[in-house]
Amino acid sequence: MRNLKEKLKVYYIMSVFSVLFALLGFSYNAWRMEVSEENNNVRTAAFEVLSHLGELEHIILSAHYDNDVIEGNPRKGWVKVGLVVDLSALIAPNVEAKAVMMKATWADSWHLMRTEEAVVTELVNEIDDTRMAIKLVLKEMS
């Protein structure tokens, strides 16, 4: 009888340990999947924003240096700026802040980008600052 009680005790302890281990493993797996999904969303948004920043820079340079009213159309620029601000909120707060600052600069000076070199330089610097903030977020994720 004593031998049976000892075997049952070991069985119960192992059962409880197995259930706890399974719960711990499931919890870790769920957490890991959530973190991976979040990182994937941030990366996707970051690459999309980098692409739109490149297109915005192309619009600015086409307007200023080429006097191209098609490629340098400020309405295209407004669309790109809006997309950058919207998507930057998915990346990180500091990236969103840089994008909002870039939008403010764009709003104040888009109409001067064809004629003023200083405006072009300022807009490109804002784009570069936003790019740098994105790159730092991506580097921290690695």
N, C-alpha and C. Protein backbone atom coordinates (compact mmCIF):
# COMPACT_ATOMS: atom_id res chain seq x y z
N MET A 1 0.81 -1.19 0.00
CA MET A 1 0.00 0.00 0.00
C MET A 1 0.86 1.27 0.00
N ARG A 2 1.93 1.24 0.80
CA ARG A 2 2.81 2.40 0.88
C ARG A 2 3.49 2.65 -0.47
N ASN A 3 3.86 1.63 -1.14
CA ASN A 3 4.50 1.74 -2.44
C ASN A 3 3.55 2.38 -3.46
N LEU A 4 2.28 2.03 -3.39
CA LEU A 4 1.28 2.61 -4.28
C LEU A 4 1.10 4.10 -3.99
N LYS A 5 1.09 4.50 -2.71
CA LYS A 5 0.96 5.91 -2.35
C LYS A 5 2.14 6.73 -2.85
N GLU A 6 3.31 6.18 -2.77
CA GLU A 6 4.51 6.87 -3.25
C GLU A 6 4.46 7.02 -4.77
N LYS A 7 4.02 5.98 -5.46
CA LYS A 7 3.90 6.05 -6.92
C LYS A 7 2.85 7.09 -7.33
N LEU A 8 1.71 7.12 -6.61
CA LEU A 8 0.69 8.13 -6.92
C LEU A 8 1.18 9.54 -6.65
N LYS A 9 1.94 9.71 -5.56
CA LYS A 9 2.50 11.02 -5.23
C LYS A 9 3.43 11.50 -6.35
N VAL A 10 4.32 10.62 -6.79
CA VAL A 10 5.22 10.96 -7.89
C VAL A 10 4.43 11.25 -9.16
N TYR A 11 3.41 10.47 -9.43
CA TYR A 11 2.56 10.66 -10.60
C TYR A 11 1.89 12.03 -10.55
N TYR A 12 1.32 12.41 -9.40
CA TYR A 12 0.66 13.70 -9.26
C TYR A 12 1.64 14.86 -9.42
N ILE A 13 2.80 14.71 -8.83
CA ILE A 13 3.82 15.76 -8.95
C ILE A 13 4.24 15.92 -10.41
N MET A 14 4.45 14.83 -11.09
CA MET A 14 4.84 14.88 -12.50
C MET A 14 3.72 15.46 -13.35
N SER A 15 2.48 15.11 -13.01
CA SER A 15 1.33 15.65 -13.76
C SER A 15 1.24 17.16 -13.61
N VAL A 16 1.37 17.64 -12.39
CA VAL A 16 1.32 19.08 -12.14
C VAL A 16 2.49 19.77 -12.84
N PHE A 17 3.68 19.19 -12.75
CA PHE A 17 4.85 19.76 -13.41
C PHE A 17 4.63 19.80 -14.92
N SER A 18 4.08 18.74 -15.48
CA SER A 18 3.83 18.68 -16.93
C SER A 18 2.84 19.76 -17.37
N VAL A 19 1.78 19.94 -16.60
CA VAL A 19 0.80 20.97 -16.93
C VAL A 19 1.42 22.36 -16.84
N LEU A 20 2.18 22.62 -15.79
CA LEU A 20 2.84 23.92 -15.65
C LEU A 20 3.84 24.16 -16.77
N PHE A 21 4.59 23.14 -17.12
CA PHE A 21 5.57 23.27 -18.21
C PHE A 21 4.85 23.54 -19.53
N ALA A 22 3.74 22.87 -19.78
CA ALA A 22 2.96 23.09 -21.01
C ALA A 22 2.41 24.52 -21.05
N LEU A 23 1.89 24.99 -19.92
CA LEU A 23 1.37 26.36 -19.86
C LEU A 23 2.47 27.39 -20.08
N LEU A 24 3.61 27.14 -19.47
CA LEU A 24 4.74 28.05 -19.65
C LEU A 24 5.18 28.07 -21.12
N GLY A 25 5.29 26.91 -21.72
CA GLY A 25 5.68 26.83 -23.12
C GLY A 25 4.68 27.51 -24.03
N PHE A 26 3.39 27.28 -23.79
CA PHE A 26 2.35 27.92 -24.60
C PHE A 26 2.40 29.44 -24.43
N SER A 27 2.56 29.90 -23.20
CA SER A 27 2.61 31.35 -22.94
C SER A 27 3.79 31.99 -23.65
N TYR A 28 4.95 31.36 -23.56
CA TYR A 28 6.14 31.90 -24.23
C TYR A 28 5.92 31.93 -25.74
N ASN A 29 5.38 30.86 -26.29
CA ASN A 29 5.14 30.78 -27.73
C ASN A 29 4.17 31.88 -28.18
N ALA A 30 3.10 32.09 -27.44
CA ALA A 30 2.14 33.15 -27.79
C ALA A 30 2.80 34.52 -27.72
N TRP A 31 3.58 34.77 -26.66
CA TRP A 31 4.28 36.05 -26.53
C TRP A 31 5.27 36.25 -27.68
N ARG A 32 6.02 35.22 -28.00
CA ARG A 32 7.02 35.30 -29.07
C ARG A 32 6.36 35.60 -30.41
N MET A 33 5.24 34.95 -30.68
CA MET A 33 4.53 35.19 -31.94
C MET A 33 4.02 36.63 -32.00
N GLU A 34 3.55 37.15 -30.88
CA GLU A 34 3.06 38.53 -30.85
C GLU A 34 4.20 39.51 -31.10
N VAL A 35 5.34 39.28 -30.48
CA VAL A 35 6.49 40.16 -30.69
C VAL A 35 6.97 40.07 -32.13
N SER A 36 7.01 38.88 -32.67
CA SER A 36 7.45 38.71 -34.06
C SER A 36 6.51 39.43 -35.02
N GLU A 37 5.22 39.33 -34.77
CA GLU A 37 4.24 40.01 -35.63
C GLU A 37 4.40 41.52 -35.53
N GLU A 38 4.61 42.02 -34.33
CA GLU A 38 4.82 43.46 -34.14
C GLU A 38 6.08 43.91 -34.89
N ASN A 39 7.16 43.16 -34.76
CA ASN A 39 8.40 43.50 -35.47
C ASN A 39 8.19 43.46 -36.97
N ASN A 40 7.44 42.49 -37.45
CA ASN A 40 7.16 42.40 -38.88
C ASN A 40 6.37 43.61 -39.36
N ASN A 41 5.38 44.03 -38.58
CA ASN A 41 4.59 45.21 -38.95
C ASN A 41 5.45 46.47 -38.97
N VAL A 42 6.34 46.61 -38.00
CA VAL A 42 7.23 47.77 -37.95
C VAL A 42 8.15 47.77 -39.17
N ARG A 43 8.74 46.62 -39.47
CA ARG A 43 9.64 46.54 -40.63
C ARG A 43 8.91 46.88 -41.93
N THR A 44 7.73 46.33 -42.11
CA THR A 44 6.96 46.59 -43.33
C THR A 44 6.65 48.08 -43.45
N ALA A 45 6.18 48.68 -42.36
CA ALA A 45 5.88 50.12 -42.39
C ALA A 45 7.15 50.93 -42.64
N ALA A 46 8.26 50.52 -42.03
CA ALA A 46 9.52 51.26 -42.19
C ALA A 46 9.99 51.24 -43.65
N PHE A 47 9.94 50.08 -44.28
CA PHE A 47 10.38 50.00 -45.67
C PHE A 47 9.44 50.78 -46.59
N GLU A 48 8.17 50.76 -46.27
CA GLU A 48 7.20 51.53 -47.07
C GLU A 48 7.47 53.03 -46.92
N VAL A 49 7.73 53.47 -45.70
CA VAL A 49 8.01 54.89 -45.47
C VAL A 49 9.31 55.30 -46.17
N LEU A 50 10.33 54.45 -46.08
CA LEU A 50 11.58 54.77 -46.78
C LEU A 50 11.35 54.93 -48.28
N SER A 51 10.51 54.08 -48.83
CA SER A 51 10.19 54.18 -50.26
C SER A 51 9.49 55.50 -50.58
N HIS A 52 8.52 55.88 -49.76
CA HIS A 52 7.80 57.14 -49.99
C HIS A 52 8.69 58.35 -49.76
N LEU A 53 9.62 58.24 -48.83
CA LEU A 53 10.57 59.35 -48.63
C LEU A 53 11.45 59.53 -49.86
N GLY A 54 11.87 58.45 -50.46
CA GLY A 54 12.66 58.54 -51.70
C GLY A 54 11.86 59.19 -52.82
N GLU A 55 10.59 58.80 -52.92
CA GLU A 55 9.73 59.40 -53.95
C GLU A 55 9.49 60.88 -53.68
N LEU A 56 9.33 61.24 -52.42
CA LEU A 56 9.16 62.66 -52.07
C LEU A 56 10.41 63.46 -52.42
N GLU A 57 11.56 62.90 -52.12
CA GLU A 57 12.81 63.59 -52.47
C GLU A 57 12.91 63.75 -53.99
N HIS A 58 12.50 62.74 -54.72
CA HIS A 58 12.50 62.83 -56.19
C HIS A 58 11.58 63.97 -56.66
N ILE A 59 10.43 64.09 -56.05
CA ILE A 59 9.48 65.15 -56.41
C ILE A 59 10.11 66.52 -56.16
N ILE A 60 10.74 66.68 -55.01
CA ILE A 60 11.36 67.97 -54.66
C ILE A 60 12.48 68.31 -55.63
N LEU A 61 13.34 67.34 -55.89
CA LEU A 61 14.49 67.61 -56.78
C LEU A 61 14.03 67.82 -58.22
N SER A 62 13.01 67.11 -58.66
CA SER A 62 12.49 67.31 -60.01
C SER A 62 11.89 68.71 -60.16
N ALA A 63 11.19 69.15 -59.12
CA ALA A 63 10.59 70.49 -59.17
C ALA A 63 11.66 71.57 -59.20
N HIS A 64 12.69 71.41 -58.37
CA HIS A 64 13.69 72.47 -58.26
C HIS A 64 14.71 72.45 -59.39
N TYR A 65 15.33 71.31 -59.63
CA TYR A 65 16.44 71.27 -60.57
C TYR A 65 16.01 71.06 -62.02
N ASP A 66 14.89 70.36 -62.22
CA ASP A 66 14.46 70.07 -63.59
C ASP A 66 13.31 70.95 -64.04
N ASN A 67 12.72 71.72 -63.13
CA ASN A 67 11.52 72.49 -63.44
C ASN A 67 10.46 71.63 -64.12
N ASP A 68 10.35 70.40 -63.65
CA ASP A 68 9.40 69.43 -64.22
C ASP A 68 8.09 69.54 -63.45
N VAL A 69 7.06 70.07 -64.14
CA VAL A 69 5.78 70.28 -63.47
C VAL A 69 5.00 68.97 -63.30
N ILE A 70 5.39 67.94 -64.03
CA ILE A 70 4.72 66.64 -63.90
C ILE A 70 5.35 65.86 -62.74
N GLU A 71 6.65 65.59 -62.83
CA GLU A 71 7.35 64.83 -61.79
C GLU A 71 7.50 65.63 -60.50
N GLY A 72 7.54 66.93 -60.60
CA GLY A 72 7.72 67.79 -59.43
C GLY A 72 6.42 68.40 -58.93
N ASN A 73 5.31 67.74 -59.21
CA ASN A 73 4.00 68.25 -58.82
C ASN A 73 3.84 68.23 -57.30
N PRO A 74 3.56 69.38 -56.69
CA PRO A 74 3.42 69.42 -55.23
C PRO A 74 2.25 68.59 -54.70
N ARG A 75 1.22 68.36 -55.52
CA ARG A 75 0.10 67.51 -55.07
C ARG A 75 0.57 66.09 -54.83
N LYS A 76 1.49 65.61 -55.67
CA LYS A 76 2.10 64.29 -55.43
C LYS A 76 2.88 64.32 -54.12
N GLY A 77 3.55 65.45 -53.88
CA GLY A 77 4.30 65.60 -52.64
C GLY A 77 3.40 65.56 -51.42
N TRP A 78 2.25 66.22 -51.50
CA TRP A 78 1.31 66.19 -50.38
C TRP A 78 0.86 64.76 -50.08
N VAL A 79 0.61 63.99 -51.12
CA VAL A 79 0.20 62.59 -50.93
C VAL A 79 1.31 61.81 -50.23
N LYS A 80 2.54 61.99 -50.69
CA LYS A 80 3.67 61.27 -50.09
C LYS A 80 3.87 61.69 -48.64
N VAL A 81 3.78 62.97 -48.36
CA VAL A 81 3.95 63.46 -46.99
C VAL A 81 2.87 62.87 -46.09
N GLY A 82 1.65 62.86 -46.57
CA GLY A 82 0.55 62.30 -45.78
C GLY A 82 0.75 60.82 -45.49
N LEU A 83 1.19 60.06 -46.50
CA LEU A 83 1.46 58.63 -46.30
C LEU A 83 2.59 58.41 -45.30
N VAL A 84 3.62 59.22 -45.40
CA VAL A 84 4.75 59.09 -44.48
C VAL A 84 4.31 59.33 -43.05
N VAL A 85 3.53 60.37 -42.83
CA VAL A 85 3.06 60.67 -41.48
C VAL A 85 2.16 59.55 -40.96
N ASP A 86 1.25 59.08 -41.80
CA ASP A 86 0.34 58.01 -41.36
C ASP A 86 1.08 56.73 -41.02
N LEU A 87 1.99 56.32 -41.89
CA LEU A 87 2.71 55.06 -41.67
C LEU A 87 3.76 55.17 -40.55
N SER A 88 4.28 56.36 -40.34
CA SER A 88 5.32 56.52 -39.31
C SER A 88 4.77 56.24 -37.91
N ALA A 89 3.47 56.41 -37.74
CA ALA A 89 2.86 56.12 -36.44
C ALA A 89 2.96 54.64 -36.10
N LEU A 90 3.12 53.80 -37.11
CA LEU A 90 3.25 52.36 -36.89
C LEU A 90 4.67 51.94 -36.55
N ILE A 91 5.62 52.84 -36.70
CA ILE A 91 7.03 52.48 -36.51
C ILE A 91 7.47 52.77 -35.07
N ALA A 92 7.51 54.04 -34.71
CA ALA A 92 7.96 54.42 -33.37
C ALA A 92 7.58 55.88 -33.13
N PRO A 93 7.40 56.27 -31.88
CA PRO A 93 7.02 57.67 -31.59
C PRO A 93 8.03 58.69 -32.11
N ASN A 94 9.33 58.38 -32.01
CA ASN A 94 10.32 59.37 -32.48
C ASN A 94 10.29 59.50 -34.00
N VAL A 95 9.98 58.42 -34.71
CA VAL A 95 9.85 58.49 -36.17
C VAL A 95 8.62 59.30 -36.53
N GLU A 96 7.54 59.08 -35.81
CA GLU A 96 6.33 59.86 -36.06
C GLU A 96 6.59 61.35 -35.82
N ALA A 97 7.34 61.68 -34.77
CA ALA A 97 7.65 63.08 -34.48
C ALA A 97 8.47 63.70 -35.62
N LYS A 98 9.44 62.95 -36.13
CA LYS A 98 10.24 63.45 -37.27
C LYS A 98 9.36 63.67 -38.49
N ALA A 99 8.44 62.74 -38.73
CA ALA A 99 7.55 62.86 -39.89
C ALA A 99 6.62 64.05 -39.76
N VAL A 100 6.14 64.29 -38.56
CA VAL A 100 5.26 65.44 -38.32
C VAL A 100 6.05 66.74 -38.53
N MET A 101 7.30 66.77 -38.07
CA MET A 101 8.14 67.96 -38.30
C MET A 101 8.38 68.16 -39.80
N MET A 102 8.60 67.05 -40.52
CA MET A 102 8.80 67.14 -41.96
C MET A 102 7.54 67.69 -42.63
N LYS A 103 6.37 67.22 -42.18
CA LYS A 103 5.11 67.71 -42.75
C LYS A 103 4.94 69.20 -42.50
N ALA A 104 5.30 69.66 -41.31
CA ALA A 104 5.20 71.08 -40.99
C ALA A 104 6.11 71.91 -41.89
N THR A 105 7.33 71.42 -42.09
CA THR A 105 8.26 72.11 -42.98
C THR A 105 7.72 72.13 -44.41
N TRP A 106 7.19 70.99 -44.84
CA TRP A 106 6.61 70.90 -46.19
C TRP A 106 5.44 71.89 -46.32
N ALA A 107 4.57 71.93 -45.32
CA ALA A 107 3.40 72.81 -45.37
C ALA A 107 3.81 74.28 -45.46
N ASP A 108 4.90 74.62 -44.78
CA ASP A 108 5.36 76.01 -44.77
C ASP A 108 6.08 76.41 -46.06
N SER A 109 6.67 75.44 -46.75
CA SER A 109 7.58 75.85 -47.83
C SER A 109 7.43 75.13 -49.16
N TRP A 110 6.42 74.30 -49.32
CA TRP A 110 6.30 73.54 -50.57
C TRP A 110 6.22 74.46 -51.79
N HIS A 111 5.58 75.59 -51.63
CA HIS A 111 5.37 76.51 -52.76
C HIS A 111 6.66 77.22 -53.18
N LEU A 112 7.71 77.10 -52.36
CA LEU A 112 8.98 77.75 -52.70
C LEU A 112 10.03 76.77 -53.22
N MET A 113 9.69 75.48 -53.29
CA MET A 113 10.71 74.48 -53.63
C MET A 113 11.22 74.62 -55.07
N ARG A 114 10.44 75.23 -55.95
CA ARG A 114 10.90 75.39 -57.34
C ARG A 114 12.00 76.45 -57.46
N THR A 115 11.95 77.45 -56.58
CA THR A 115 12.84 78.61 -56.77
C THR A 115 13.89 78.78 -55.68
N GLU A 116 13.67 78.25 -54.50
CA GLU A 116 14.56 78.53 -53.37
C GLU A 116 15.44 77.31 -53.03
N GLU A 117 16.72 77.44 -53.21
CA GLU A 117 17.68 76.38 -52.88
C GLU A 117 17.66 76.04 -51.38
N ALA A 118 17.52 77.06 -50.54
CA ALA A 118 17.51 76.84 -49.09
C ALA A 118 16.31 75.99 -48.68
N VAL A 119 15.18 76.17 -49.33
CA VAL A 119 13.99 75.38 -49.04
C VAL A 119 14.22 73.93 -49.42
N VAL A 120 14.81 73.71 -50.58
CA VAL A 120 15.11 72.35 -51.02
C VAL A 120 16.05 71.67 -50.02
N THR A 121 17.07 72.39 -49.60
CA THR A 121 18.02 71.84 -48.63
C THR A 121 17.32 71.50 -47.32
N GLU A 122 16.46 72.39 -46.86
CA GLU A 122 15.74 72.14 -45.60
C GLU A 122 14.81 70.92 -45.72
N LEU A 123 14.10 70.83 -46.83
CA LEU A 123 13.19 69.68 -47.02
C LEU A 123 13.96 68.37 -47.11
N VAL A 124 15.07 68.37 -47.83
CA VAL A 124 15.88 67.16 -47.96
C VAL A 124 16.48 66.79 -46.60
N ASN A 125 16.89 67.78 -45.81
CA ASN A 125 17.40 67.50 -44.47
C ASN A 125 16.33 66.87 -43.58
N GLU A 126 15.09 67.35 -43.69
CA GLU A 126 13.99 66.76 -42.92
C GLU A 126 13.74 65.31 -43.35
N ILE A 127 13.83 65.06 -44.64
CA ILE A 127 13.69 63.69 -45.14
C ILE A 127 14.81 62.82 -44.59
N ASP A 128 16.02 63.34 -44.63
CA ASP A 128 17.17 62.58 -44.11
C ASP A 128 17.04 62.30 -42.61
N ASP A 129 16.54 63.28 -41.86
CA ASP A 129 16.34 63.06 -40.42
C ASP A 129 15.33 61.95 -40.16
N THR A 130 14.27 61.94 -40.95
CA THR A 130 13.26 60.89 -40.81
C THR A 130 13.84 59.53 -41.18
N ARG A 131 14.61 59.50 -42.26
CA ARG A 131 15.28 58.25 -42.65
C ARG A 131 16.18 57.73 -41.54
N MET A 132 16.95 58.62 -40.95
CA MET A 132 17.88 58.23 -39.89
C MET A 132 17.13 57.66 -38.69
N ALA A 133 16.02 58.27 -38.33
CA ALA A 133 15.22 57.76 -37.21
C ALA A 133 14.69 56.36 -37.51
N ILE A 134 14.29 56.13 -38.74
CA ILE A 134 13.80 54.81 -39.15
C ILE A 134 14.93 53.79 -39.09
N LYS A 135 16.07 54.16 -39.59
CA LYS A 135 17.21 53.23 -39.59
C LYS A 135 17.62 52.85 -38.15
N LEU A 136 17.55 53.80 -37.24
CA LEU A 136 17.87 53.50 -35.84
C LEU A 136 16.88 52.50 -35.25
N VAL A 137 15.61 52.68 -35.55
CA VAL A 137 14.59 51.73 -35.06
C VAL A 137 14.87 50.34 -35.63
N LEU A 138 15.16 50.26 -36.92
CA LEU A 138 15.42 48.96 -37.54
C LEU A 138 16.68 48.32 -36.98
N LYS A 139 17.69 49.13 -36.71
CA LYS A 139 18.93 48.61 -36.15
C LYS A 139 18.70 48.07 -34.74
N GLU A 140 17.89 48.75 -33.94
CA GLU A 140 17.59 48.30 -32.59
C GLU A 140 16.81 46.98 -32.58
N MET A 141 16.06 46.74 -33.64
CA MET A 141 15.27 45.50 -33.72
C MET A 141 16.13 44.29 -34.06
N SER A 142 17.27 44.52 -34.66
CA SER A 142 18.11 43.40 -35.11
C SER A 142 18.67 42.60 -33.97
